[in-house]
């Protein structure tokens, strides 16, 4: 396996793995009763990150040329015809990973996706289509978009919810409460 193929594999094709795994987790791991709210948060987080990235790209570009253009070599991975700040690939895979973590709380899957995000970011720099600053900015902007998840109630296996300032226990219905003598 050549180095060029390995770089392209992690810079481009790891993105496909993140998308497929993330879509599976978001479609099948989010509880049915919470899907509308979860999908709404995901949409708003993604749109916020995307719009912020495009706004920053219009007001700031560290360079008009990508690293491979500056070096006069071929790009080692696919790229959009723009200066490259911030990295759309890094932003996209980070946003998907944040959505999976915040909406499913599946620790092992999220750690695996974070590892793929790191690989994608390293691959984009190794392929000379982005600078380290480009991919760091893409990740950072996606995490800013993820602030939409900050007020989301957290649940654990004991059916308790944490709402930021403490814990509130799920209330039992009236039919499951014990009847006290003399009470009707």
N, C-alpha and C. Protein backbone atom coordinates (compact mmCIF):
# COMPACT_ATOMS: atom_id res chain seq x y z
N UNK A 1 0.86 -1.18 0.00
CA UNK A 1 0.00 0.00 0.00
C UNK A 1 0.90 1.23 0.00
N UNK A 2 0.69 2.11 -0.95
CA UNK A 2 1.54 3.30 -1.06
C UNK A 2 1.09 4.38 -0.07
N UNK A 3 2.02 5.28 0.20
CA UNK A 3 1.72 6.38 1.12
C UNK A 3 0.63 7.29 0.55
N UNK A 4 0.65 7.51 -0.76
CA UNK A 4 -0.37 8.35 -1.39
C UNK A 4 -1.77 7.76 -1.20
N UNK A 5 -1.89 6.45 -1.37
CA UNK A 5 -3.18 5.79 -1.20
C UNK A 5 -3.64 5.87 0.25
N UNK A 6 -2.71 5.66 1.18
CA UNK A 6 -3.05 5.72 2.61
C UNK A 6 -3.53 7.13 2.99
N UNK A 7 -2.85 8.14 2.48
CA UNK A 7 -3.26 9.53 2.77
C UNK A 7 -4.65 9.80 2.21
N UNK A 8 -4.89 9.38 0.97
CA UNK A 8 -6.22 9.58 0.38
C UNK A 8 -7.28 8.80 1.16
N UNK A 9 -6.93 7.62 1.62
CA UNK A 9 -7.86 6.79 2.38
C UNK A 9 -8.32 7.50 3.64
N UNK A 10 -7.38 8.06 4.40
CA UNK A 10 -7.78 8.71 5.65
C UNK A 10 -8.30 10.13 5.43
N UNK A 11 -7.86 10.79 4.37
CA UNK A 11 -8.31 12.17 4.12
C UNK A 11 -9.69 12.23 3.49
N UNK A 12 -10.02 11.26 2.64
CA UNK A 12 -11.30 11.28 1.93
C UNK A 12 -12.26 10.18 2.38
N UNK A 13 -11.80 8.96 2.39
CA UNK A 13 -12.72 7.84 2.61
C UNK A 13 -13.10 7.64 4.07
N UNK A 14 -12.30 8.14 5.00
CA UNK A 14 -12.71 8.09 6.41
C UNK A 14 -13.92 8.99 6.64
N UNK A 15 -14.08 10.01 5.80
CA UNK A 15 -15.27 10.87 5.89
C UNK A 15 -16.52 10.04 5.62
N UNK A 16 -16.45 9.17 4.64
CA UNK A 16 -17.60 8.31 4.31
C UNK A 16 -17.94 7.41 5.50
N UNK A 17 -16.92 6.88 6.17
CA UNK A 17 -17.15 6.04 7.35
C UNK A 17 -17.85 6.84 8.45
N UNK A 18 -17.41 8.07 8.69
CA UNK A 18 -18.04 8.91 9.71
C UNK A 18 -19.50 9.17 9.35
N UNK A 19 -19.76 9.47 8.10
CA UNK A 19 -21.14 9.76 7.66
C UNK A 19 -22.03 8.53 7.85
N UNK A 20 -21.57 7.37 7.41
CA UNK A 20 -22.40 6.16 7.51
C UNK A 20 -22.63 5.74 8.96
N UNK A 21 -21.58 5.75 9.75
CA UNK A 21 -21.72 5.38 11.17
C UNK A 21 -22.58 6.40 11.90
N UNK A 22 -22.34 7.68 11.64
CA UNK A 22 -23.12 8.73 12.28
C UNK A 22 -24.59 8.66 11.91
N UNK A 23 -24.89 8.44 10.63
CA UNK A 23 -26.29 8.33 10.20
C UNK A 23 -26.96 7.14 10.86
N UNK A 24 -26.26 6.02 10.91
CA UNK A 24 -26.83 4.83 11.56
C UNK A 24 -27.14 5.14 13.04
N UNK A 25 -26.19 5.74 13.74
CA UNK A 25 -26.39 6.03 15.17
C UNK A 25 -27.54 7.01 15.38
N UNK A 26 -27.59 8.04 14.56
CA UNK A 26 -28.63 9.06 14.74
C UNK A 26 -30.01 8.51 14.38
N UNK A 27 -30.07 7.64 13.40
CA UNK A 27 -31.36 7.06 12.99
C UNK A 27 -31.85 5.98 13.94
N UNK A 28 -30.93 5.17 14.47
CA UNK A 28 -31.36 4.00 15.24
C UNK A 28 -31.05 4.04 16.72
N UNK A 29 -30.21 4.94 17.18
CA UNK A 29 -29.87 5.00 18.60
C UNK A 29 -30.61 6.11 19.36
N UNK A 30 -31.18 7.06 18.65
CA UNK A 30 -31.96 8.12 19.29
C UNK A 30 -33.35 7.54 19.60
N UNK A 31 -33.80 7.62 20.84
CA UNK A 31 -35.12 7.08 21.19
C UNK A 31 -36.23 7.71 20.34
N UNK A 32 -37.22 6.90 19.99
CA UNK A 32 -38.28 7.34 19.08
C UNK A 32 -39.00 8.59 19.56
N UNK A 33 -39.30 8.71 20.82
CA UNK A 33 -40.02 9.86 21.33
C UNK A 33 -39.21 11.14 21.35
N UNK A 34 -37.91 11.04 21.15
CA UNK A 34 -37.04 12.21 21.23
C UNK A 34 -36.46 12.60 19.88
N UNK A 35 -36.84 11.92 18.83
CA UNK A 35 -36.21 12.14 17.52
C UNK A 35 -36.46 13.52 16.94
N UNK A 36 -37.67 14.04 17.04
CA UNK A 36 -37.93 15.35 16.45
C UNK A 36 -37.06 16.42 17.09
N UNK A 37 -37.00 16.43 18.41
CA UNK A 37 -36.16 17.41 19.10
C UNK A 37 -34.69 17.19 18.79
N UNK A 38 -34.26 15.93 18.74
CA UNK A 38 -32.86 15.63 18.45
C UNK A 38 -32.50 16.07 17.03
N UNK A 39 -33.34 15.74 16.08
CA UNK A 39 -33.07 16.12 14.69
C UNK A 39 -33.11 17.63 14.50
N UNK A 40 -33.96 18.30 15.26
CA UNK A 40 -34.01 19.77 15.20
C UNK A 40 -32.71 20.37 15.74
N UNK A 41 -32.22 19.83 16.86
CA UNK A 41 -30.95 20.31 17.41
C UNK A 41 -29.80 20.06 16.44
N UNK A 42 -29.79 18.87 15.84
CA UNK A 42 -28.74 18.53 14.88
C UNK A 42 -28.76 19.50 13.70
N UNK A 43 -29.94 19.77 13.19
CA UNK A 43 -30.08 20.69 12.06
C UNK A 43 -29.58 22.09 12.44
N UNK A 44 -30.00 22.59 13.58
CA UNK A 44 -29.61 23.93 14.00
C UNK A 44 -28.11 24.01 14.29
N UNK A 45 -27.55 22.98 14.91
CA UNK A 45 -26.11 22.96 15.18
C UNK A 45 -25.33 22.96 13.87
N UNK A 46 -25.76 22.14 12.93
CA UNK A 46 -25.08 22.07 11.64
C UNK A 46 -25.18 23.36 10.86
N UNK A 47 -26.37 23.94 10.82
CA UNK A 47 -26.55 25.21 10.10
C UNK A 47 -25.76 26.34 10.75
N UNK A 48 -25.73 26.36 12.07
CA UNK A 48 -24.97 27.39 12.77
C UNK A 48 -23.49 27.27 12.43
N UNK A 49 -22.96 26.06 12.49
CA UNK A 49 -21.54 25.85 12.18
C UNK A 49 -21.24 26.22 10.72
N UNK A 50 -22.10 25.79 9.82
CA UNK A 50 -21.87 26.07 8.40
C UNK A 50 -21.91 27.57 8.10
N UNK A 51 -22.91 28.25 8.64
CA UNK A 51 -23.03 29.69 8.39
C UNK A 51 -21.86 30.46 9.02
N UNK A 52 -21.45 30.06 10.21
CA UNK A 52 -20.30 30.69 10.85
C UNK A 52 -19.03 30.47 10.03
N UNK A 53 -18.86 29.26 9.51
CA UNK A 53 -17.69 28.95 8.69
C UNK A 53 -17.68 29.81 7.42
N UNK A 54 -18.81 29.92 6.76
CA UNK A 54 -18.87 30.72 5.54
C UNK A 54 -18.66 32.20 5.82
N UNK A 55 -19.19 32.68 6.94
CA UNK A 55 -18.98 34.07 7.33
C UNK A 55 -17.50 34.34 7.60
N UNK A 56 -16.86 33.47 8.38
CA UNK A 56 -15.44 33.65 8.67
C UNK A 56 -14.59 33.57 7.41
N UNK A 57 -14.98 32.68 6.49
CA UNK A 57 -14.22 32.53 5.24
C UNK A 57 -14.30 33.79 4.38
N UNK A 58 -15.40 34.52 4.48
CA UNK A 58 -15.52 35.74 3.67
C UNK A 58 -14.72 36.91 4.26
N UNK A 59 -14.56 36.91 5.58
CA UNK A 59 -13.85 38.04 6.19
C UNK A 59 -12.38 37.74 6.47
N UNK A 60 -12.00 36.45 6.44
CA UNK A 60 -10.61 36.12 6.74
C UNK A 60 -10.17 34.90 5.95
N UNK A 61 -9.10 35.03 5.22
CA UNK A 61 -8.44 33.92 4.54
C UNK A 61 -6.94 34.09 4.77
N UNK A 62 -6.33 33.15 5.50
CA UNK A 62 -4.90 33.29 5.77
C UNK A 62 -4.05 33.25 4.49
N UNK A 63 -4.54 32.56 3.47
CA UNK A 63 -3.80 32.47 2.21
C UNK A 63 -4.79 32.21 1.08
N UNK A 64 -4.50 32.76 -0.08
CA UNK A 64 -5.37 32.50 -1.24
C UNK A 64 -5.05 31.16 -1.89
N UNK A 65 -3.91 30.58 -1.54
CA UNK A 65 -3.49 29.31 -2.13
C UNK A 65 -3.42 28.22 -1.06
N UNK A 66 -3.74 27.03 -1.49
CA UNK A 66 -3.63 25.88 -0.60
C UNK A 66 -2.18 25.41 -0.57
N UNK A 67 -1.81 24.60 0.44
CA UNK A 67 -0.41 24.15 0.55
C UNK A 67 0.12 23.46 -0.71
N UNK A 68 -0.68 22.60 -1.35
CA UNK A 68 -0.18 21.92 -2.55
C UNK A 68 0.06 22.91 -3.68
N UNK A 69 -0.72 23.98 -3.74
CA UNK A 69 -0.50 25.00 -4.77
C UNK A 69 0.77 25.80 -4.50
N UNK A 70 1.01 26.09 -3.23
CA UNK A 70 2.22 26.81 -2.87
C UNK A 70 3.47 25.99 -3.17
N UNK A 71 3.36 24.67 -2.99
CA UNK A 71 4.51 23.79 -3.23
C UNK A 71 4.62 23.35 -4.69
N UNK A 72 3.60 23.60 -5.49
CA UNK A 72 3.63 23.22 -6.90
C UNK A 72 3.51 21.73 -7.13
N UNK A 73 2.74 21.04 -6.29
CA UNK A 73 2.52 19.59 -6.43
C UNK A 73 1.03 19.32 -6.58
N UNK A 74 0.68 18.08 -6.86
CA UNK A 74 -0.72 17.69 -6.95
C UNK A 74 -1.29 17.48 -5.55
N UNK A 75 -2.57 17.78 -5.41
CA UNK A 75 -3.26 17.55 -4.13
C UNK A 75 -3.35 16.06 -3.88
N UNK A 76 -3.18 15.68 -2.64
CA UNK A 76 -3.24 14.27 -2.27
C UNK A 76 -4.63 13.79 -1.92
N UNK A 77 -5.63 14.67 -2.00
CA UNK A 77 -7.01 14.31 -1.67
C UNK A 77 -7.94 15.27 -2.40
N UNK A 78 -9.21 14.94 -2.39
CA UNK A 78 -10.19 15.81 -3.05
C UNK A 78 -10.33 17.13 -2.28
N UNK A 79 -10.74 18.17 -2.99
CA UNK A 79 -10.89 19.47 -2.37
C UNK A 79 -11.85 20.31 -3.19
N UNK A 80 -12.43 21.29 -2.55
CA UNK A 80 -13.27 22.26 -3.23
C UNK A 80 -12.39 23.37 -3.78
N UNK A 81 -12.82 23.99 -4.83
CA UNK A 81 -12.03 25.06 -5.43
C UNK A 81 -12.24 26.36 -4.67
N UNK A 82 -11.64 26.42 -3.50
CA UNK A 82 -11.65 27.63 -2.69
C UNK A 82 -10.35 27.67 -1.89
N UNK A 83 -10.06 28.76 -1.19
CA UNK A 83 -8.78 28.84 -0.47
C UNK A 83 -8.63 27.81 0.66
N UNK A 84 -9.70 27.27 1.19
CA UNK A 84 -9.58 26.18 2.15
C UNK A 84 -9.73 26.50 3.62
N UNK A 85 -9.96 27.75 3.96
CA UNK A 85 -10.16 28.07 5.37
C UNK A 85 -11.62 28.37 5.62
N UNK A 86 -12.21 27.75 6.62
CA UNK A 86 -11.79 26.59 7.40
C UNK A 86 -12.04 25.30 6.62
N UNK A 87 -11.53 24.21 7.12
CA UNK A 87 -11.70 22.93 6.45
C UNK A 87 -13.15 22.46 6.57
N UNK A 88 -13.82 22.33 5.43
CA UNK A 88 -15.20 21.83 5.43
C UNK A 88 -15.25 20.37 5.86
N UNK A 89 -14.24 19.59 5.47
CA UNK A 89 -14.21 18.18 5.86
C UNK A 89 -14.10 18.03 7.38
N UNK A 90 -13.21 18.79 7.98
CA UNK A 90 -13.04 18.73 9.44
C UNK A 90 -14.30 19.20 10.15
N UNK A 91 -14.91 20.26 9.65
CA UNK A 91 -16.14 20.78 10.23
C UNK A 91 -17.26 19.73 10.15
N UNK A 92 -17.41 19.13 8.99
CA UNK A 92 -18.48 18.17 8.75
C UNK A 92 -18.36 16.93 9.64
N UNK A 93 -17.17 16.32 9.69
CA UNK A 93 -17.04 15.09 10.49
C UNK A 93 -17.11 15.40 11.98
N UNK A 94 -16.64 16.57 12.40
CA UNK A 94 -16.76 16.96 13.81
C UNK A 94 -18.22 17.21 14.18
N UNK A 95 -18.97 17.84 13.31
CA UNK A 95 -20.39 18.09 13.58
C UNK A 95 -21.17 16.78 13.71
N UNK A 96 -20.87 15.82 12.85
CA UNK A 96 -21.54 14.52 12.93
C UNK A 96 -21.17 13.81 14.23
N UNK A 97 -19.89 13.85 14.59
CA UNK A 97 -19.44 13.20 15.82
C UNK A 97 -20.09 13.85 17.05
N UNK A 98 -20.18 15.17 17.06
CA UNK A 98 -20.84 15.86 18.18
C UNK A 98 -22.31 15.47 18.26
N UNK A 99 -22.97 15.37 17.12
CA UNK A 99 -24.38 14.98 17.11
C UNK A 99 -24.56 13.58 17.68
N UNK A 100 -23.69 12.67 17.29
CA UNK A 100 -23.78 11.29 17.80
C UNK A 100 -23.56 11.28 19.31
N UNK A 101 -22.54 11.99 19.79
CA UNK A 101 -22.28 12.00 21.22
C UNK A 101 -23.44 12.61 22.00
N UNK A 102 -23.86 13.80 21.61
CA UNK A 102 -24.88 14.50 22.39
C UNK A 102 -26.25 13.85 22.30
N UNK A 103 -26.56 13.23 21.19
CA UNK A 103 -27.90 12.66 21.03
C UNK A 103 -28.00 11.19 21.45
N UNK A 104 -26.90 10.45 21.46
CA UNK A 104 -26.98 9.03 21.82
C UNK A 104 -26.25 8.70 23.11
N UNK A 105 -25.25 9.50 23.45
CA UNK A 105 -24.39 9.25 24.63
C UNK A 105 -23.76 7.86 24.57
N UNK A 106 -23.45 7.39 23.37
CA UNK A 106 -22.80 6.11 23.18
C UNK A 106 -21.29 6.36 23.20
N UNK A 107 -20.67 6.04 24.34
CA UNK A 107 -19.28 6.42 24.58
C UNK A 107 -18.30 5.75 23.61
N UNK A 108 -18.38 4.43 23.46
CA UNK A 108 -17.42 3.72 22.60
C UNK A 108 -17.55 4.17 21.15
N UNK A 109 -18.76 4.31 20.68
CA UNK A 109 -18.98 4.75 19.31
C UNK A 109 -18.46 6.17 19.10
N UNK A 110 -18.70 7.04 20.06
CA UNK A 110 -18.24 8.43 19.96
C UNK A 110 -16.72 8.50 19.99
N UNK A 111 -16.08 7.69 20.81
CA UNK A 111 -14.61 7.67 20.85
C UNK A 111 -14.06 7.18 19.50
N UNK A 112 -14.70 6.17 18.93
CA UNK A 112 -14.28 5.68 17.61
C UNK A 112 -14.43 6.78 16.56
N UNK A 113 -15.53 7.52 16.61
CA UNK A 113 -15.74 8.61 15.65
C UNK A 113 -14.73 9.74 15.86
N UNK A 114 -14.38 10.03 17.11
CA UNK A 114 -13.37 11.05 17.38
C UNK A 114 -12.03 10.62 16.78
N UNK A 115 -11.70 9.34 16.89
CA UNK A 115 -10.46 8.83 16.28
C UNK A 115 -10.50 9.01 14.76
N UNK A 116 -11.66 8.75 14.15
CA UNK A 116 -11.79 8.97 12.70
C UNK A 116 -11.66 10.45 12.35
N UNK A 117 -12.20 11.33 13.19
CA UNK A 117 -12.08 12.77 12.96
C UNK A 117 -10.61 13.18 12.97
N UNK A 118 -9.87 12.67 13.94
CA UNK A 118 -8.44 12.98 14.02
C UNK A 118 -7.73 12.48 12.76
N UNK A 119 -8.07 11.27 12.33
CA UNK A 119 -7.47 10.73 11.10
C UNK A 119 -7.79 11.61 9.89
N UNK A 120 -9.04 12.01 9.76
CA UNK A 120 -9.43 12.87 8.64
C UNK A 120 -8.63 14.17 8.68
N UNK A 121 -8.52 14.78 9.84
CA UNK A 121 -7.80 16.05 9.96
C UNK A 121 -6.32 15.88 9.63
N UNK A 122 -5.71 14.84 10.14
CA UNK A 122 -4.30 14.57 9.84
C UNK A 122 -4.15 14.28 8.34
N UNK A 123 -5.08 13.52 7.80
CA UNK A 123 -5.04 13.20 6.37
C UNK A 123 -5.17 14.42 5.49
N UNK A 124 -6.02 15.36 5.87
CA UNK A 124 -6.20 16.58 5.07
C UNK A 124 -4.92 17.41 5.06
N UNK A 125 -4.22 17.45 6.18
CA UNK A 125 -2.95 18.18 6.24
C UNK A 125 -1.88 17.41 5.47
N UNK A 126 -1.80 16.10 5.66
CA UNK A 126 -0.80 15.28 4.96
C UNK A 126 -1.02 15.30 3.44
N UNK A 127 -2.25 15.44 3.01
CA UNK A 127 -2.56 15.51 1.57
C UNK A 127 -2.28 16.88 0.99
N UNK A 128 -1.87 17.81 1.84
CA UNK A 128 -1.52 19.17 1.45
C UNK A 128 -2.70 19.98 0.91
N UNK A 129 -3.91 19.61 1.30
CA UNK A 129 -5.06 20.41 0.88
C UNK A 129 -5.46 21.42 1.95
N UNK A 130 -4.92 21.25 3.17
CA UNK A 130 -5.20 22.18 4.27
C UNK A 130 -3.96 22.36 5.12
N UNK A 131 -3.94 23.48 5.81
CA UNK A 131 -2.92 23.71 6.84
C UNK A 131 -3.49 23.20 8.17
N UNK A 132 -2.64 23.00 9.16
CA UNK A 132 -3.17 22.62 10.49
C UNK A 132 -4.18 23.65 11.00
N UNK A 133 -3.94 24.93 10.73
CA UNK A 133 -4.86 25.98 11.18
C UNK A 133 -6.24 25.82 10.54
N UNK A 134 -6.28 25.42 9.27
CA UNK A 134 -7.55 25.21 8.57
C UNK A 134 -8.39 24.13 9.25
N UNK A 135 -7.75 23.00 9.59
CA UNK A 135 -8.52 21.90 10.18
C UNK A 135 -8.87 22.20 11.64
N UNK A 136 -8.01 22.87 12.36
CA UNK A 136 -8.33 23.26 13.74
C UNK A 136 -9.52 24.22 13.74
N UNK A 137 -9.53 25.15 12.80
CA UNK A 137 -10.65 26.09 12.70
C UNK A 137 -11.94 25.34 12.35
N UNK A 138 -11.88 24.36 11.46
CA UNK A 138 -13.06 23.57 11.11
C UNK A 138 -13.63 22.83 12.31
N UNK A 139 -12.74 22.22 13.09
CA UNK A 139 -13.18 21.51 14.30
C UNK A 139 -13.76 22.49 15.30
N UNK A 140 -13.08 23.60 15.51
CA UNK A 140 -13.55 24.61 16.48
C UNK A 140 -14.91 25.18 16.13
N UNK A 141 -15.11 25.47 14.85
CA UNK A 141 -16.40 26.02 14.42
C UNK A 141 -17.51 25.00 14.59
N UNK A 142 -17.23 23.73 14.31
CA UNK A 142 -18.25 22.69 14.53
C UNK A 142 -18.60 22.58 16.00
N UNK A 143 -17.61 22.74 16.87
CA UNK A 143 -17.89 22.67 18.31
C UNK A 143 -18.67 23.89 18.78
N UNK A 144 -18.46 25.04 18.14
CA UNK A 144 -19.29 26.21 18.46
C UNK A 144 -20.73 25.93 18.05
N UNK A 145 -20.93 25.33 16.89
CA UNK A 145 -22.28 24.94 16.46
C UNK A 145 -22.92 23.96 17.43
N UNK A 146 -22.09 23.12 18.06
CA UNK A 146 -22.60 22.12 19.00
C UNK A 146 -23.15 22.74 20.28
N UNK A 147 -23.00 24.04 20.46
CA UNK A 147 -23.58 24.68 21.65
C UNK A 147 -25.10 24.52 21.69
N UNK A 148 -25.72 24.18 20.57
CA UNK A 148 -27.16 23.93 20.56
C UNK A 148 -27.52 22.77 21.48
N UNK A 149 -26.55 21.93 21.81
CA UNK A 149 -26.81 20.78 22.68
C UNK A 149 -26.65 21.12 24.15
N UNK A 150 -26.22 22.32 24.49
CA UNK A 150 -25.84 22.65 25.86
C UNK A 150 -27.00 22.60 26.85
N UNK A 151 -28.22 22.86 26.44
CA UNK A 151 -29.36 22.82 27.37
C UNK A 151 -30.15 21.52 27.28
N UNK A 152 -29.63 20.56 26.55
CA UNK A 152 -30.34 19.29 26.37
C UNK A 152 -30.31 18.50 27.68
N UNK A 153 -31.46 17.99 28.13
CA UNK A 153 -31.46 17.15 29.33
C UNK A 153 -30.62 15.90 29.11
N UNK A 154 -29.88 15.51 30.14
CA UNK A 154 -29.06 14.31 30.07
C UNK A 154 -29.78 13.19 30.80
N UNK A 155 -29.79 12.01 30.23
CA UNK A 155 -30.43 10.88 30.90
C UNK A 155 -29.42 9.78 31.11
N UNK A 156 -29.65 8.98 32.14
CA UNK A 156 -28.82 7.79 32.34
C UNK A 156 -29.72 6.58 32.52
N UNK A 157 -29.15 5.46 32.85
CA UNK A 157 -29.91 4.20 32.88
C UNK A 157 -30.94 4.13 33.99
N UNK A 158 -30.82 4.92 35.03
CA UNK A 158 -31.79 4.88 36.13
C UNK A 158 -33.00 5.76 35.85
N UNK A 159 -33.13 6.25 34.62
CA UNK A 159 -34.26 7.09 34.22
C UNK A 159 -34.31 8.37 35.02
N UNK A 160 -33.14 8.94 35.30
CA UNK A 160 -33.05 10.24 35.96
C UNK A 160 -32.63 11.24 34.92
N UNK A 161 -33.01 12.47 35.12
CA UNK A 161 -32.59 13.52 34.22
C UNK A 161 -31.79 14.55 34.98
N UNK A 162 -30.74 15.03 34.38
CA UNK A 162 -29.94 16.09 34.95
C UNK A 162 -30.20 17.33 34.12
N UNK A 163 -30.56 18.40 34.78
CA UNK A 163 -30.89 19.64 34.07
C UNK A 163 -29.92 20.75 34.40
N UNK A 164 -28.66 20.45 34.50
CA UNK A 164 -27.66 21.48 34.69
C UNK A 164 -27.37 21.86 36.13
N UNK A 165 -28.40 22.02 36.96
CA UNK A 165 -28.17 22.49 38.33
C UNK A 165 -28.37 21.38 39.36
N UNK A 166 -28.69 20.23 38.96
CA UNK A 166 -28.91 19.14 39.89
C UNK A 166 -29.69 18.05 39.22
N UNK A 167 -30.16 17.12 40.03
CA UNK A 167 -30.88 15.99 39.46
C UNK A 167 -32.35 16.05 39.84
N UNK A 168 -33.18 15.66 38.92
CA UNK A 168 -34.59 15.52 39.23
C UNK A 168 -34.96 14.09 38.86
N UNK A 169 -35.63 13.42 39.76
CA UNK A 169 -35.99 12.04 39.52
C UNK A 169 -37.31 11.99 38.77
N UNK A 170 -37.44 10.99 37.94
CA UNK A 170 -38.70 10.81 37.23
C UNK A 170 -39.80 10.57 38.23
N UNK A 171 -40.94 11.17 37.99
CA UNK A 171 -42.06 11.01 38.91
C UNK A 171 -42.87 9.80 38.53
N UNK A 172 -43.31 9.08 39.56
CA UNK A 172 -44.17 7.94 39.30
C UNK A 172 -45.58 8.44 39.05
N UNK A 173 -46.31 7.71 38.25
CA UNK A 173 -47.69 8.10 38.00
C UNK A 173 -48.53 7.86 39.24
N UNK A 174 -49.72 8.48 39.28
CA UNK A 174 -50.61 8.34 40.43
C UNK A 174 -50.97 6.89 40.68
N UNK A 175 -51.08 6.09 39.64
CA UNK A 175 -51.49 4.70 39.83
C UNK A 175 -50.39 3.87 40.47
N UNK A 176 -49.13 4.32 40.45
CA UNK A 176 -48.07 3.52 41.03
C UNK A 176 -47.75 3.96 42.45
N UNK A 177 -48.37 5.01 42.96
CA UNK A 177 -48.13 5.46 44.33
C UNK A 177 -48.92 4.61 45.30
N UNK A 178 -48.33 4.43 46.48
CA UNK A 178 -49.05 3.68 47.51
C UNK A 178 -50.19 4.52 48.06
N UNK A 179 -51.28 3.89 48.35
CA UNK A 179 -52.43 4.58 48.91
C UNK A 179 -52.25 4.62 50.42
N UNK A 180 -52.37 5.81 50.99
CA UNK A 180 -52.26 5.97 52.43
C UNK A 180 -53.65 5.81 53.02
N UNK A 181 -53.73 5.12 54.18
CA UNK A 181 -55.00 4.89 54.82
C UNK A 181 -55.65 6.23 55.14
N UNK A 182 -56.91 6.35 54.81
CA UNK A 182 -57.65 7.56 55.07
C UNK A 182 -57.59 8.53 53.88
N UNK A 183 -56.83 8.19 52.87
CA UNK A 183 -56.71 9.06 51.69
C UNK A 183 -57.50 8.45 50.56
N UNK A 184 -58.20 9.24 49.82
CA UNK A 184 -58.96 8.66 48.71
C UNK A 184 -58.46 9.09 47.38
